[in-house]
Amino acid sequence: MPLYDYECADHGPFRAWARMAEALKACPCPLCGEPARRQISAPNLNVMNGTLRKALARAERSSDEPRVAPRKHLANCGCSLCAHKKAPPPAHHRWAIGH
């Protein structure tokens, strides 16, 4: 049974479960009981797996408020982000580039 959007003239929008055969019929408002017309809305299909849904949500959040790493973290702290940075060669071996 799908979830449909309806709008009451007095109390505004609400959602209600209804059979597909009764999709075009008016639904009574839960507050006043008056018949409310069904609104056209995009289907709420949940076809994505959980991993993809989480990745899209994380990307959407970061588009408005990107996470910024603190400066003290990047100053040779030894973590996995800083460990792969190459140190400059010692002064007495600067002529031996690549060795």
Protein backbone atom coordinates (compact mmCIF):
# COMPACT_ATOMS: atom_id res chain seq x y z
CA MET A 1 0.00 0.00 0.00
CA PRO A 2 1.62 3.31 -1.06
CA LEU A 3 1.86 6.50 0.96
CA TYR A 4 0.11 9.43 -0.73
CA ASP A 5 0.20 13.19 -0.13
CA TYR A 6 -3.09 14.97 0.48
CA GLU A 7 -3.98 18.57 1.30
CA CYS A 8 -6.84 19.69 3.50
CA ALA A 9 -8.27 23.13 2.70
CA ASP A 10 -8.31 24.04 6.42
CA HIS A 11 -5.35 22.17 7.95
CA GLY A 12 -2.83 21.90 5.08
CA PRO A 13 -0.82 18.94 3.80
CA PHE A 14 -0.69 15.44 5.31
CA ARG A 15 0.24 11.92 4.25
CA ALA A 16 -1.92 8.83 4.36
CA TRP A 17 -1.72 5.20 3.28
CA ALA A 18 -4.26 4.14 0.65
CA ARG A 19 -4.81 1.27 -1.73
CA MET A 20 -3.78 1.88 -5.31
CA ALA A 21 -7.36 1.25 -6.42
CA GLU A 22 -8.49 4.12 -4.16
CA ALA A 23 -5.68 6.50 -5.17
CA LEU A 24 -7.98 8.93 -6.97
CA LYS A 25 -10.54 9.12 -4.16
CA ALA A 26 -10.47 11.88 -1.56
CA CYS A 27 -9.06 10.99 1.85
CA PRO A 28 -10.56 12.30 5.10
CA CYS A 29 -8.39 14.81 6.96
CA PRO A 30 -7.09 13.32 10.25
CA LEU A 31 -7.95 16.55 12.14
CA CYS A 32 -11.37 17.56 10.82
CA GLY A 33 -12.55 14.56 8.78
CA GLU A 34 -13.33 16.63 5.68
CA PRO A 35 -12.37 15.05 2.34
CA ALA A 36 -8.96 16.20 1.11
CA ARG A 37 -7.69 16.06 -2.48
CA ARG A 38 -4.61 14.07 -3.38
CA GLN A 39 -1.55 16.12 -4.37
CA ILE A 40 0.82 15.18 -7.16
CA SER A 41 4.23 14.28 -5.72
CA ALA A 42 7.36 12.45 -6.77
CA PRO A 43 7.36 8.76 -5.93
CA ASN A 44 9.31 7.77 -2.85
CA LEU A 45 11.18 4.80 -4.28
CA ASN A 46 13.86 3.27 -2.14
CA VAL A 47 15.90 1.41 -4.74
CA MET A 48 19.41 2.44 -3.62
CA ASN A 49 21.46 0.24 -1.36
CA GLY A 50 22.48 1.63 2.04
CA THR A 51 26.10 2.33 1.12
CA LEU A 52 25.20 4.44 -1.91
CA ARG A 53 22.48 6.29 0.03
CA LYS A 54 24.98 7.18 2.80
CA ALA A 55 27.59 8.32 0.28
CA LEU A 56 25.10 10.59 -1.49
CA ALA A 57 23.92 12.04 1.83
CA ARG A 58 27.53 12.70 2.89
CA ALA A 59 28.30 14.37 -0.47
CA GLU A 60 25.19 16.53 -0.18
CA ARG A 61 26.13 17.66 3.34
CA SER A 62 29.70 18.48 2.33
CA SER A 63 28.58 20.59 -0.64
CA ASP A 64 27.13 23.22 1.71
CA GLU A 65 29.49 22.88 4.68
CA PRO A 66 32.80 21.24 3.79
CA ARG A 67 34.71 19.71 6.68
CA VAL A 68 37.99 21.53 7.30
CA ALA A 69 40.92 19.80 8.97
CA PRO A 70 42.58 21.85 11.71
CA ARG A 71 46.03 23.25 10.84
CA LYS A 72 47.76 21.58 13.79
CA HIS A 73 46.79 18.20 12.35
CA LEU A 74 48.80 18.75 9.18
CA ALA A 75 52.07 19.82 10.87
CA ASN A 76 54.02 16.48 10.75
CA CYS A 77 51.80 14.78 13.30
CA GLY A 78 52.70 11.29 12.07
CA CYS A 79 49.15 10.22 11.22
CA SER A 80 48.30 8.32 8.04
CA LEU A 81 47.54 11.58 6.21
CA CYS A 82 50.96 13.07 7.00
CA ALA A 83 53.06 9.86 6.96
CA HIS A 84 53.20 9.52 3.17
CA LYS A 85 54.79 12.96 2.70
CA LYS A 86 58.42 12.60 1.68
CA ALA A 87 61.06 14.33 3.75
CA PRO A 88 63.68 16.33 1.85
CA PRO A 89 66.96 14.50 1.27
CA PRO A 90 69.82 15.20 3.71
CA ALA A 91 72.06 18.14 2.82
CA HIS A 92 75.14 15.97 2.09
CA HIS A 93 73.18 13.80 -0.43
CA ARG A 94 71.36 16.50 -2.39
CA TRP A 95 73.41 15.73 -5.48
CA ALA A 96 72.11 12.12 -5.50
CA ILE A 97 68.61 12.82 -6.72
CA GLY A 98 66.57 9.64 -7.01
CA HIS A 99 69.13 7.39 -5.29
